[in-house]
Structure formats: C-alpha cells, structure tokens
Amino acid sequence: MKLLVRNLSRSTTEQEIRILFSAHGSVSECTLVLDQATGLSKGFAFVEMPKEIEAKKALAALHEQRIAKNRIRVKIAQ
C-alpha cells in the first residue's frame, strides 16, 4: 500500500521517514520529493509498505503526529 506523507519539515530526511514508518512494519520504498532546482525537500514523501495491515497501522499511528515541529498528515496515495 502506498502512503502519502505531507507537511514534513524541510529538514526531515528520507532516512528519518523510513525509520519512522519501519517502527510499524516493513517499508519497501520511501521517496522524499525534492525540488529539482534547489535539491531541497518539497515537504512531502511517498512510503510504500507491502503489507496493507501494517500500512493502516502506520497511518493510524502517525497521522497528525508532530515530527520536527510539524504536524504531519498521512493518507493513502491515490
């Protein structure tokens, strides 16, 4: 299941996101979206978790949590 993580701090790294979601299950892919011109984070990422039940647990646990002073939003990617 692919999840969209929004409202990330610009300083949050792909590795930090992977560790955050790995606490709730296996993560097959984690992609932090970067601005092509500056190379800086655009403030959102996609996390792919192969097991739907783990992805739903991560979504429930992490949605609206404060990470690096930002309240992140997690939802199922369309």
C-alpha atoms as a PDB file:
ATOM      1  CA  MET A   1       0.000   0.000   0.000  1.00  0.00           C
ATOM      2  CA  LYS A   2       1.356   3.412  -0.950  1.00  0.00           C
ATOM      3  CA  LEU A   3       1.032   6.223   1.578  1.00  0.00           C
ATOM      4  CA  LEU A   4       1.397   9.959   1.054  1.00  0.00           C
ATOM      5  CA  VAL A   5       3.084  11.860   3.884  1.00  0.00           C
ATOM      6  CA  ARG A   6       2.516  15.623   3.790  1.00  0.00           C
ATOM      7  CA  ASN A   7       3.535  18.672   5.812  1.00  0.00           C
ATOM      8  CA  LEU A   8       7.039  17.378   6.502  1.00  0.00           C
ATOM      9  CA  SER A   9       9.673  19.745   7.827  1.00  0.00           C
ATOM     10  CA  ARG A  10      12.081  20.773   5.050  1.00  0.00           C
ATOM     11  CA  SER A  11      14.902  19.357   7.207  1.00  0.00           C
ATOM     12  CA  THR A  12      13.366  15.861   7.525  1.00  0.00           C
ATOM     13  CA  THR A  13      15.392  13.261   5.606  1.00  0.00           C
ATOM     14  CA  GLU A  14      14.290  10.195   3.669  1.00  0.00           C
ATOM     15  CA  GLN A  15      16.121   8.011   6.199  1.00  0.00           C
ATOM     16  CA  GLU A  16      14.181   9.580   9.111  1.00  0.00           C
ATOM     17  CA  ILE A  17      10.884   8.884   7.339  1.00  0.00           C
ATOM     18  CA  ARG A  18      11.903   5.274   6.649  1.00  0.00           C
ATOM     19  CA  ILE A  19      12.816   4.746  10.331  1.00  0.00           C
ATOM     20  CA  LEU A  20       9.547   6.348  11.465  1.00  0.00           C
ATOM     21  CA  PHE A  21       7.420   4.033   9.310  1.00  0.00           C
ATOM     22  CA  SER A  22       9.596   0.952   9.880  1.00  0.00           C
ATOM     23  CA  ALA A  23       8.501   1.015  13.524  1.00  0.00           C
ATOM     24  CA  HIS A  24       5.053  -0.073  12.266  1.00  0.00           C
ATOM     25  CA  GLY A  25       6.111  -2.693   9.691  1.00  0.00           C
ATOM     26  CA  SER A  26       8.276  -3.309   6.666  1.00  0.00           C
ATOM     27  CA  VAL A  27       8.913  -0.454   4.236  1.00  0.00           C
ATOM     28  CA  SER A  28       9.690  -1.481   0.665  1.00  0.00           C
ATOM     29  CA  GLU A  29      10.204   2.030  -0.697  1.00  0.00           C
ATOM     30  CA  CYS A  30      10.495   5.560   0.661  1.00  0.00           C
ATOM     31  CA  THR A  31      10.732   8.567  -1.646  1.00  0.00           C
ATOM     32  CA  LEU A  32      11.181  12.110  -0.374  1.00  0.00           C
ATOM     33  CA  VAL A  33      10.142  14.531  -3.129  1.00  0.00           C
ATOM     34  CA  LEU A  34      12.836  17.107  -3.854  1.00  0.00           C
ATOM     35  CA  ASP A  35      12.762  20.395  -5.734  1.00  0.00           C
ATOM     36  CA  GLN A  36      14.802  19.876  -8.912  1.00  0.00           C
ATOM     37  CA  ALA A  37      16.197  23.389  -8.942  1.00  0.00           C
ATOM     38  CA  THR A  38      17.358  23.591  -5.325  1.00  0.00           C
ATOM     39  CA  GLY A  39      17.625  19.940  -4.284  1.00  0.00           C
ATOM     40  CA  LEU A  40      15.660  20.751  -1.118  1.00  0.00           C
ATOM     41  CA  SER A  41      12.659  18.848   0.198  1.00  0.00           C
ATOM     42  CA  LYS A  42       9.241  19.918  -1.056  1.00  0.00           C
ATOM     43  CA  GLY A  43       7.733  18.804   2.262  1.00  0.00           C
ATOM     44  CA  PHE A  44       6.115  15.548   1.210  1.00  0.00           C
ATOM     45  CA  ALA A  45       7.034  11.929   0.601  1.00  0.00           C
ATOM     46  CA  PHE A  46       5.670   8.591  -0.537  1.00  0.00           C
ATOM     47  CA  VAL A  47       6.097   5.463   1.580  1.00  0.00           C
ATOM     48  CA  GLU A  48       5.363   2.001   0.151  1.00  0.00           C
ATOM     49  CA  MET A  49       4.516  -0.722   2.672  1.00  0.00           C
ATOM     50  CA  PRO A  50       3.882  -4.199   1.198  1.00  0.00           C
ATOM     51  CA  LYS A  51       1.504  -5.380   3.952  1.00  0.00           C
ATOM     52  CA  GLU A  52      -1.785  -3.486   3.980  1.00  0.00           C
ATOM     53  CA  ILE A  53      -2.440  -4.132   7.686  1.00  0.00           C
ATOM     54  CA  GLU A  54       0.946  -2.639   8.638  1.00  0.00           C
ATOM     55  CA  ALA A  55       0.355   0.364   6.386  1.00  0.00           C
ATOM     56  CA  LYS A  56      -3.024   1.011   8.025  1.00  0.00           C
ATOM     57  CA  LYS A  57      -1.439   0.742  11.490  1.00  0.00           C
ATOM     58  CA  ALA A  58       1.250   3.238  10.469  1.00  0.00           C
ATOM     59  CA  LEU A  59      -1.371   5.587   9.033  1.00  0.00           C
ATOM     60  CA  ALA A  60      -3.440   5.459  12.239  1.00  0.00           C
ATOM     61  CA  ALA A  61      -0.399   5.915  14.485  1.00  0.00           C
ATOM     62  CA  LEU A  62       1.400   8.664  12.550  1.00  0.00           C
ATOM     63  CA  HIS A  63      -1.399  10.844  11.103  1.00  0.00           C
ATOM     64  CA  GLU A  64      -1.373  14.243  12.885  1.00  0.00           C
ATOM     65  CA  GLN A  65       1.811  13.403  14.857  1.00  0.00           C
ATOM     66  CA  ARG A  66       4.391  16.132  15.457  1.00  0.00           C
ATOM     67  CA  ILE A  67       7.633  15.341  13.657  1.00  0.00           C
ATOM     68  CA  ALA A  68      10.369  18.017  13.740  1.00  0.00           C
ATOM     69  CA  LYS A  69       7.857  20.692  14.894  1.00  0.00           C
ATOM     70  CA  ASN A  70       5.424  19.936  12.040  1.00  0.00           C
ATOM     71  CA  ARG A  71       2.148  18.037  12.380  1.00  0.00           C
ATOM     72  CA  ILE A  72       2.400  15.532   9.524  1.00  0.00           C
ATOM     73  CA  ARG A  73      -0.577  14.240   7.571  1.00  0.00           C
ATOM     74  CA  VAL A  74      -0.613  10.652   6.331  1.00  0.00           C
ATOM     75  CA  LYS A  75      -3.127   9.257   3.851  1.00  0.00           C
ATOM     76  CA  ILE A  76      -3.440   6.546   1.256  1.00  0.00           C
ATOM     77  CA  ALA A  77      -1.897   7.748  -2.009  1.00  0.00           C
ATOM     78  CA  GLN A  78      -4.292   7.974  -4.952  1.00  0.00           C
END
